[in-house]
Every structure is written in structure tokens, then in C-alpha cells.
């Protein structure tokens, strides 16, 4: 078991004991219901990390492990585990030349998902610290959701736009990339009625993401 001084973010699910995708969705629903009780509405922006295991940079990973307060011996083992790796491509029975691999964690290894969760853990505190009150992060491995509440759709969109900007900035500094084609935004109305649709949009980088007009799937729910 990893002994951390600070620990992974409480909103991180997947690759952790008793933290399933159903738990993550249940928390999202519970927070939304609590917002409704406060006479607010809620919304979420879903962002997918691109090439999850292939882009893990060992230098950034080592830095994150230090910030979590992990033991020096464990950090050294991890750096060794990710060093001096080489791969060959086999296609139709033909084996290509051996090439060095400088990034990524070995897929198929039980350590890979744990290391990725550690690698990504820094984004949540950073985004929540830099955005307005009422913004929180939830994730299942590489599927990240930013949740926000507000008095109206425009306010929710503004908060989610701030979260997206902070997330993209953190990603650029830590070797992480998002798949812009898989981003979705959703507004949770307490009661769907005529006039509840909105033209508000979430700004993500140089693009805008509209709130879905129909049901939204997240983590299979």
C-alpha cells in the first residue's frame, strides 16, 4: 500500500479499492441533488485524457510522487521501473527493429494504473484552488468530470470554463493532453420544462462546448 502524506484526491475513482465508477456517478448525483435543495442548478464538463498510459512522463511522475510525500525508495524503484525500456513491433509475423521508449508506463503491469492515478492526482487540487467556489473534480482513471453549481446556466458555464482553462494549463506543464473530440458538457435541471434549454457554452481552449440537449452518458451510466 502506498503511504502518502497528502494522499490522492478524494474525487479520484478507479485503480483504488472500493472506489468504482458507480461510486463516482453517485457522488455526482448527490452533489447535484444538494445543489437543487439550495435552489441552484448544476452542470458538468467531462474531459478525457488522451493516450492514458503512453504519455506518462517519468520526470513529472517522480515530481508528483515527491509532492505526495512518498518514500524515497519507492520513488527510486518507480524511476528504475520506467527506465531503459525497449520495444519491438510485430506485424503479420514480421518483427521490427528494437527501439527505446522514453515515456509511458508498461501496459499490462498491475503498477500501471496506480502510477497513472498518482501522475494525474495533482490536477484536481490545482483546478479547485484556481476556480470559484462550487467547483469540484471527479474522475474514473482518465475520465475527468468538473462539477459546478450556480444560479443560472451562464454562471455554471463560466465556472466550468475557468476549470477547463486551469486544467489545460496544468496539463501543458505536466505532459498531459486532453482529447477535445470527446469533451461533453451537461446541465442538470431539477425539473425539465419548456424554456430550460440554454444557449450558454463552456469555453475550452479555443473552442466552445454546448450543453447537451439530450441525455448524457458518463462512465456507462
C-alpha atoms as a PDB file:
ATOM      1  CA  UNK A   1       0.000   0.000   0.000  1.00  0.00           C
ATOM      2  CA  UNK A   2       1.219   3.484  -0.849  1.00  0.00           C
ATOM      3  CA  UNK A   3       1.806   5.639   2.230  1.00  0.00           C
ATOM      4  CA  UNK A   4       1.236   9.291   1.291  1.00  0.00           C
ATOM      5  CA  UNK A   5       1.455  12.346   3.471  1.00  0.00           C
ATOM      6  CA  UNK A   6      -1.126  14.183   1.377  1.00  0.00           C
ATOM      7  CA  UNK A   7      -2.859  11.311  -0.372  1.00  0.00           C
ATOM      8  CA  UNK A   8      -4.639  11.095  -3.705  1.00  0.00           C
ATOM      9  CA  UNK A   9      -7.527  13.447  -4.341  1.00  0.00           C
ATOM     10  CA  UNK A  10     -10.806  12.304  -2.767  1.00  0.00           C
ATOM     11  CA  UNK A  11     -12.532  12.651  -6.139  1.00  0.00           C
ATOM     12  CA  UNK A  12     -10.291  10.065  -7.837  1.00  0.00           C
ATOM     13  CA  UNK A  13     -12.012   6.748  -8.510  1.00  0.00           C
ATOM     14  CA  UNK A  14     -10.750   3.692 -10.366  1.00  0.00           C
ATOM     15  CA  UNK A  15      -7.461   1.902  -9.637  1.00  0.00           C
ATOM     16  CA  UNK A  16      -8.351   2.263  -5.944  1.00  0.00           C
ATOM     17  CA  UNK A  17     -10.031  -0.160  -3.558  1.00  0.00           C
ATOM     18  CA  UNK A  18     -13.794   0.273  -3.076  1.00  0.00           C
ATOM     19  CA  UNK A  19     -13.932   3.242  -5.473  1.00  0.00           C
ATOM     20  CA  UNK A  20     -15.906   2.169  -8.526  1.00  0.00           C
ATOM     21  CA  UNK A  21     -17.385   4.128 -11.432  1.00  0.00           C
ATOM     22  CA  UNK A  22     -20.811   3.719  -9.834  1.00  0.00           C
ATOM     23  CA  UNK A  23     -19.496   5.478  -6.723  1.00  0.00           C
ATOM     24  CA  UNK A  24     -18.246   8.401  -8.820  1.00  0.00           C
ATOM     25  CA  UNK A  25     -21.607   8.785 -10.576  1.00  0.00           C
ATOM     26  CA  UNK A  26     -23.461   8.506  -7.255  1.00  0.00           C
ATOM     27  CA  UNK A  27     -21.411  11.365  -5.816  1.00  0.00           C
ATOM     28  CA  UNK A  28     -22.105  13.481  -8.903  1.00  0.00           C
ATOM     29  CA  UNK A  29     -25.837  12.854  -8.489  1.00  0.00           C
ATOM     30  CA  UNK A  30     -25.752  13.517  -4.751  1.00  0.00           C
ATOM     31  CA  UNK A  31     -23.960  16.839  -5.172  1.00  0.00           C
ATOM     32  CA  UNK A  32     -26.470  17.832  -7.817  1.00  0.00           C
ATOM     33  CA  UNK A  33     -29.420  16.988  -5.572  1.00  0.00           C
ATOM     34  CA  UNK A  34     -27.853  19.044  -2.767  1.00  0.00           C
ATOM     35  CA  UNK A  35     -27.487  21.974  -5.165  1.00  0.00           C
ATOM     36  CA  UNK A  36     -31.171  21.659  -6.081  1.00  0.00           C
ATOM     37  CA  UNK A  37     -32.078  21.823  -2.382  1.00  0.00           C
ATOM     38  CA  UNK A  38     -30.200  25.140  -2.259  1.00  0.00           C
ATOM     39  CA  UNK A  39     -32.340  26.352  -5.173  1.00  0.00           C
ATOM     40  CA  UNK A  40     -29.340  26.162  -7.537  1.00  0.00           C
ATOM     41  CA  UNK A  41     -28.729  24.306 -10.759  1.00  0.00           C
ATOM     42  CA  UNK A  42     -25.641  22.240 -11.536  1.00  0.00           C
ATOM     43  CA  UNK A  43     -23.579  21.293 -14.552  1.00  0.00           C
ATOM     44  CA  UNK A  44     -20.531  19.262 -15.504  1.00  0.00           C
ATOM     45  CA  UNK A  45     -17.780  19.251 -18.093  1.00  0.00           C
ATOM     46  CA  UNK A  46     -16.363  15.845 -18.986  1.00  0.00           C
ATOM     47  CA  UNK A  47     -12.776  15.710 -20.288  1.00  0.00           C
ATOM     48  CA  UNK A  48     -10.942  12.593 -21.462  1.00  0.00           C
ATOM     49  CA  UNK A  49      -7.172  12.255 -21.086  1.00  0.00           C
ATOM     50  CA  UNK A  50      -5.553  11.308 -24.382  1.00  0.00           C
ATOM     51  CA  UNK A  51      -3.360   8.179 -24.656  1.00  0.00           C
ATOM     52  CA  UNK A  52      -3.550   7.451 -20.956  1.00  0.00           C
ATOM     53  CA  UNK A  53      -0.587   5.210 -20.242  1.00  0.00           C
ATOM     54  CA  UNK A  54       1.575   6.074 -23.250  1.00  0.00           C
ATOM     55  CA  UNK A  55       2.197   9.705 -22.302  1.00  0.00           C
ATOM     56  CA  UNK A  56       3.187   9.334 -18.650  1.00  0.00           C
ATOM     57  CA  UNK A  57       6.488  11.181 -18.237  1.00  0.00           C
ATOM     58  CA  UNK A  58       8.695   9.701 -15.529  1.00  0.00           C
ATOM     59  CA  UNK A  59      10.184  13.085 -14.592  1.00  0.00           C
ATOM     60  CA  UNK A  60       6.753  14.575 -13.916  1.00  0.00           C
ATOM     61  CA  UNK A  61       5.672  11.360 -12.177  1.00  0.00           C
ATOM     62  CA  UNK A  62       8.687  11.482  -9.865  1.00  0.00           C
ATOM     63  CA  UNK A  63       7.920  15.101  -9.015  1.00  0.00           C
ATOM     64  CA  UNK A  64       4.304  14.265  -8.218  1.00  0.00           C
ATOM     65  CA  UNK A  65       5.346  11.337  -6.010  1.00  0.00           C
ATOM     66  CA  UNK A  66       7.645  13.666  -4.079  1.00  0.00           C
ATOM     67  CA  UNK A  67       4.806  16.164  -3.603  1.00  0.00           C
ATOM     68  CA  UNK A  68       2.608  13.350  -2.269  1.00  0.00           C
ATOM     69  CA  UNK A  69       5.320  12.562   0.273  1.00  0.00           C
ATOM     70  CA  UNK A  70       6.024   9.018  -0.903  1.00  0.00           C
ATOM     71  CA  UNK A  71       9.105   7.244   0.398  1.00  0.00           C
ATOM     72  CA  UNK A  72      12.341   7.903  -1.481  1.00  0.00           C
ATOM     73  CA  UNK A  73      12.971   4.165  -2.028  1.00  0.00           C
ATOM     74  CA  UNK A  74       9.583   3.779  -3.723  1.00  0.00           C
ATOM     75  CA  UNK A  75      10.267   6.756  -5.978  1.00  0.00           C
ATOM     76  CA  UNK A  76      13.673   5.312  -6.925  1.00  0.00           C
ATOM     77  CA  UNK A  77      12.073   1.938  -7.708  1.00  0.00           C
ATOM     78  CA  UNK A  78       9.480   3.630  -9.918  1.00  0.00           C
ATOM     79  CA  UNK A  79      12.126   5.601 -11.821  1.00  0.00           C
ATOM     80  CA  UNK A  80      14.072   2.370 -12.388  1.00  0.00           C
ATOM     81  CA  UNK A  81      10.893   0.552 -13.435  1.00  0.00           C
ATOM     82  CA  UNK A  82      10.301   3.172 -16.131  1.00  0.00           C
ATOM     83  CA  UNK A  83      13.917   3.445 -17.357  1.00  0.00           C
ATOM     84  CA  UNK A  84      15.913   1.637 -20.056  1.00  0.00           C
ATOM     85  CA  UNK A  85      12.858   0.147 -21.731  1.00  0.00           C
ATOM     86  CA  UNK A  86      12.813  -1.016 -25.344  1.00  0.00           C
ATOM     87  CA  UNK A  87      10.054  -2.310 -27.607  1.00  0.00           C
ATOM     88  CA  UNK A  88       9.651  -4.237 -30.871  1.00  0.00           C
ATOM     89  CA  UNK A  89       6.678  -4.080 -33.197  1.00  0.00           C
ATOM     90  CA  UNK A  90       5.416  -7.419 -34.536  1.00  0.00           C
ATOM     91  CA  UNK A  91       3.094  -7.179 -37.553  1.00  0.00           C
ATOM     92  CA  UNK A  92       1.889 -10.183 -39.569  1.00  0.00           C
ATOM     93  CA  UNK A  93       4.671 -12.302 -38.147  1.00  0.00           C
ATOM     94  CA  UNK A  94       7.375  -9.797 -39.046  1.00  0.00           C
ATOM     95  CA  UNK A  95       9.373  -8.340 -36.159  1.00  0.00           C
ATOM     96  CA  UNK A  96      10.641  -4.791 -36.473  1.00  0.00           C
ATOM     97  CA  UNK A  97      13.751  -3.215 -35.015  1.00  0.00           C
ATOM     98  CA  UNK A  98      14.095  -2.653 -31.304  1.00  0.00           C
ATOM     99  CA  UNK A  99      13.562   0.958 -30.224  1.00  0.00           C
ATOM    100  CA  UNK A 100      13.957   2.771 -26.900  1.00  0.00           C
ATOM    101  CA  UNK A 101      10.854   4.036 -25.067  1.00  0.00           C
ATOM    102  CA  UNK A 102      11.252   7.203 -23.033  1.00  0.00           C
ATOM    103  CA  UNK A 103       7.662   7.793 -21.866  1.00  0.00           C
ATOM    104  CA  UNK A 104       4.683   5.791 -20.688  1.00  0.00           C
ATOM    105  CA  UNK A 105       4.161   3.012 -18.191  1.00  0.00           C
ATOM    106  CA  UNK A 106       4.196  -0.668 -19.245  1.00  0.00           C
ATOM    107  CA  UNK A 107       0.630  -1.639 -20.145  1.00  0.00           C
ATOM    108  CA  UNK A 108      -0.489  -4.899 -18.597  1.00  0.00           C
ATOM    109  CA  UNK A 109       1.506  -4.252 -15.453  1.00  0.00           C
ATOM    110  CA  UNK A 110      -0.569  -4.027 -12.228  1.00  0.00           C
ATOM    111  CA  UNK A 111       1.536  -0.994 -11.311  1.00  0.00           C
ATOM    112  CA  UNK A 112       0.495   0.974 -14.424  1.00  0.00           C
ATOM    113  CA  UNK A 113      -2.984   2.157 -13.311  1.00  0.00           C
ATOM    114  CA  UNK A 114      -1.695   3.022  -9.827  1.00  0.00           C
ATOM    115  CA  UNK A 115       1.147   5.081 -11.272  1.00  0.00           C
ATOM    116  CA  UNK A 116      -1.229   6.850 -13.649  1.00  0.00           C
ATOM    117  CA  UNK A 117      -3.602   7.773 -10.806  1.00  0.00           C
ATOM    118  CA  UNK A 118      -0.617   9.181  -8.930  1.00  0.00           C
ATOM    119  CA  UNK A 119       0.554  11.041 -12.031  1.00  0.00           C
ATOM    120  CA  UNK A 120      -2.822  12.712 -12.550  1.00  0.00           C
ATOM    121  CA  UNK A 121      -3.572  13.475  -8.894  1.00  0.00           C
ATOM    122  CA  UNK A 122      -2.076  16.967  -8.967  1.00  0.00           C
ATOM    123  CA  UNK A 123      -4.606  18.368 -11.436  1.00  0.00           C
ATOM    124  CA  UNK A 124      -7.567  18.259  -9.057  1.00  0.00           C
ATOM    125  CA  UNK A 125      -6.217  20.386  -6.221  1.00  0.00           C
ATOM    126  CA  UNK A 126      -4.766  22.835  -8.733  1.00  0.00           C
ATOM    127  CA  UNK A 127      -8.029  23.329 -10.611  1.00  0.00           C
ATOM    128  CA  UNK A 128     -10.175  23.563  -7.475  1.00  0.00           C
ATOM    129  CA  UNK A 129      -7.768  26.075  -5.942  1.00  0.00           C
ATOM    130  CA  UNK A 130      -7.838  28.321  -9.003  1.00  0.00           C
ATOM    131  CA  UNK A 131     -11.573  28.286  -9.713  1.00  0.00           C
ATOM    132  CA  UNK A 132     -14.573  29.774  -7.951  1.00  0.00           C
ATOM    133  CA  UNK A 133     -16.311  28.164  -5.002  1.00  0.00           C
ATOM    134  CA  UNK A 134     -18.678  25.399  -6.008  1.00  0.00           C
ATOM    135  CA  UNK A 135     -16.311  23.675  -8.488  1.00  0.00           C
ATOM    136  CA  UNK A 136     -15.080  20.167  -7.740  1.00  0.00           C
ATOM    137  CA  UNK A 137     -13.383  17.357  -9.631  1.00  0.00           C
ATOM    138  CA  UNK A 138     -14.386  13.715 -10.059  1.00  0.00           C
ATOM    139  CA  UNK A 139     -12.640  11.103 -12.160  1.00  0.00           C
ATOM    140  CA  UNK A 140     -12.522   7.433 -13.054  1.00  0.00           C
ATOM    141  CA  UNK A 141      -8.965   6.754 -14.231  1.00  0.00           C
ATOM    142  CA  UNK A 142      -8.683   9.004 -17.333  1.00  0.00           C
ATOM    143  CA  UNK A 143     -12.301  10.230 -17.460  1.00  0.00           C
ATOM    144  CA  UNK A 144     -12.387  13.567 -15.621  1.00  0.00           C
ATOM    145  CA  UNK A 145     -15.514  15.458 -14.683  1.00  0.00           C
ATOM    146  CA  UNK A 146     -15.621  19.055 -13.416  1.00  0.00           C
ATOM    147  CA  UNK A 147     -18.826  19.769 -11.500  1.00  0.00           C
ATOM    148  CA  UNK A 148     -20.145  23.251 -10.705  1.00  0.00           C
ATOM    149  CA  UNK A 149     -23.274  24.855  -9.316  1.00  0.00           C
ATOM    150  CA  UNK A 150     -24.756  28.300  -9.880  1.00  0.00           C
ATOM    151  CA  UNK A 151     -27.866  30.422 -10.038  1.00  0.00           C
ATOM    152  CA  UNK A 152     -28.225  30.006 -13.796  1.00  0.00           C
ATOM    153  CA  UNK A 153     -26.709  28.255 -16.789  1.00  0.00           C
ATOM    154  CA  UNK A 154     -24.442  31.199 -17.654  1.00  0.00           C
ATOM    155  CA  UNK A 155     -22.894  31.160 -14.180  1.00  0.00           C
ATOM    156  CA  UNK A 156     -22.336  27.394 -14.335  1.00  0.00           C
ATOM    157  CA  UNK A 157     -20.794  27.705 -17.805  1.00  0.00           C
ATOM    158  CA  UNK A 158     -18.453  30.434 -16.551  1.00  0.00           C
ATOM    159  CA  UNK A 159     -17.222  28.294 -13.658  1.00  0.00           C
ATOM    160  CA  UNK A 160     -16.698  25.274 -15.899  1.00  0.00           C
ATOM    161  CA  UNK A 161     -14.794  27.467 -18.389  1.00  0.00           C
ATOM    162  CA  UNK A 162     -12.434  28.524 -15.572  1.00  0.00           C
ATOM    163  CA  UNK A 163     -11.985  24.870 -14.597  1.00  0.00           C
ATOM    164  CA  UNK A 164     -11.203  23.923 -18.210  1.00  0.00           C
ATOM    165  CA  UNK A 165      -8.630  26.711 -18.533  1.00  0.00           C
ATOM    166  CA  UNK A 166      -6.895  25.687 -15.299  1.00  0.00           C
ATOM    167  CA  UNK A 167      -6.950  22.007 -16.324  1.00  0.00           C
ATOM    168  CA  UNK A 168      -5.435  22.731 -19.730  1.00  0.00           C
ATOM    169  CA  UNK A 169      -2.729  24.908 -18.190  1.00  0.00           C
ATOM    170  CA  UNK A 170      -1.819  22.189 -15.677  1.00  0.00           C
ATOM    171  CA  UNK A 171      -1.844  19.579 -18.444  1.00  0.00           C
ATOM    172  CA  UNK A 172       0.549  21.651 -20.569  1.00  0.00           C
ATOM    173  CA  UNK A 173       3.021  21.880 -17.710  1.00  0.00           C
ATOM    174  CA  UNK A 174       2.837  18.187 -16.828  1.00  0.00           C
ATOM    175  CA  UNK A 175       2.878  16.393 -20.164  1.00  0.00           C
ATOM    176  CA  UNK A 176      -0.844  15.592 -20.214  1.00  0.00           C
ATOM    177  CA  UNK A 177      -3.114  16.031 -23.233  1.00  0.00           C
ATOM    178  CA  UNK A 178      -6.914  16.013 -23.494  1.00  0.00           C
ATOM    179  CA  UNK A 179      -8.957  14.516 -26.316  1.00  0.00           C
ATOM    180  CA  UNK A 180     -11.000  17.548 -27.414  1.00  0.00           C
ATOM    181  CA  UNK A 181     -13.229  15.368 -29.575  1.00  0.00           C
ATOM    182  CA  UNK A 182     -14.577  13.556 -26.515  1.00  0.00           C
ATOM    183  CA  UNK A 183     -15.462  16.569 -24.370  1.00  0.00           C
ATOM    184  CA  UNK A 184     -19.081  16.982 -23.293  1.00  0.00           C
ATOM    185  CA  UNK A 185     -20.987  19.419 -21.110  1.00  0.00           C
ATOM    186  CA  UNK A 186     -24.322  18.915 -19.380  1.00  0.00           C
ATOM    187  CA  UNK A 187     -26.717  20.988 -17.279  1.00  0.00           C
ATOM    188  CA  UNK A 188     -28.729  19.277 -14.525  1.00  0.00           C
ATOM    189  CA  UNK A 189     -32.156  20.903 -14.253  1.00  0.00           C
ATOM    190  CA  UNK A 190     -34.267  19.912 -11.281  1.00  0.00           C
ATOM    191  CA  UNK A 191     -37.390  19.716 -13.420  1.00  0.00           C
ATOM    192  CA  UNK A 192     -37.296  19.702 -17.189  1.00  0.00           C
ATOM    193  CA  UNK A 193     -39.819  22.110 -18.599  1.00  0.00           C
ATOM    194  CA  UNK A 194     -40.284  24.347 -21.585  1.00  0.00           C
ATOM    195  CA  UNK A 195     -37.657  27.073 -21.607  1.00  0.00           C
ATOM    196  CA  UNK A 196     -34.996  25.196 -19.628  1.00  0.00           C
ATOM    197  CA  UNK A 197     -32.678  24.823 -22.644  1.00  0.00           C
ATOM    198  CA  UNK A 198     -29.831  27.300 -22.793  1.00  0.00           C
ATOM    199  CA  UNK A 199     -27.503  28.864 -25.313  1.00  0.00           C
ATOM    200  CA  UNK A 200     -24.717  29.128 -22.720  1.00  0.00           C
ATOM    201  CA  UNK A 201     -21.473  27.413 -23.710  1.00  0.00           C
ATOM    202  CA  UNK A 202     -18.339  26.258 -21.927  1.00  0.00           C
ATOM    203  CA  UNK A 203     -15.105  27.675 -23.302  1.00  0.00           C
ATOM    204  CA  UNK A 204     -12.399  25.011 -23.613  1.00  0.00           C
ATOM    205  CA  UNK A 205      -9.197  26.359 -25.077  1.00  0.00           C
ATOM    206  CA  UNK A 206     -10.050  27.999 -28.406  1.00  0.00           C
ATOM    207  CA  UNK A 207     -13.328  26.072 -28.721  1.00  0.00           C
ATOM    208  CA  UNK A 208     -16.764  26.211 -27.137  1.00  0.00           C
ATOM    209  CA  UNK A 209     -18.710  23.202 -25.888  1.00  0.00           C
ATOM    210  CA  UNK A 210     -22.504  23.396 -25.871  1.00  0.00           C
ATOM    211  CA  UNK A 211     -24.534  21.780 -23.127  1.00  0.00           C
ATOM    212  CA  UNK A 212     -26.080  18.535 -24.339  1.00  0.00           C
ATOM    213  CA  UNK A 213     -29.747  18.818 -25.246  1.00  0.00           C
ATOM    214  CA  UNK A 214     -30.400  15.105 -24.647  1.00  0.00           C
ATOM    215  CA  UNK A 215     -29.364  12.529 -22.057  1.00  0.00           C
ATOM    216  CA  UNK A 216     -25.628  12.303 -21.340  1.00  0.00           C
ATOM    217  CA  UNK A 217     -23.688   9.110 -20.704  1.00  0.00           C
ATOM    218  CA  UNK A 218     -20.778   9.167 -18.253  1.00  0.00           C
ATOM    219  CA  UNK A 219     -18.920   6.082 -17.066  1.00  0.00           C
ATOM    220  CA  UNK A 220     -21.590   3.862 -18.566  1.00  0.00           C
ATOM    221  CA  UNK A 221     -24.495   5.498 -16.724  1.00  0.00           C
END
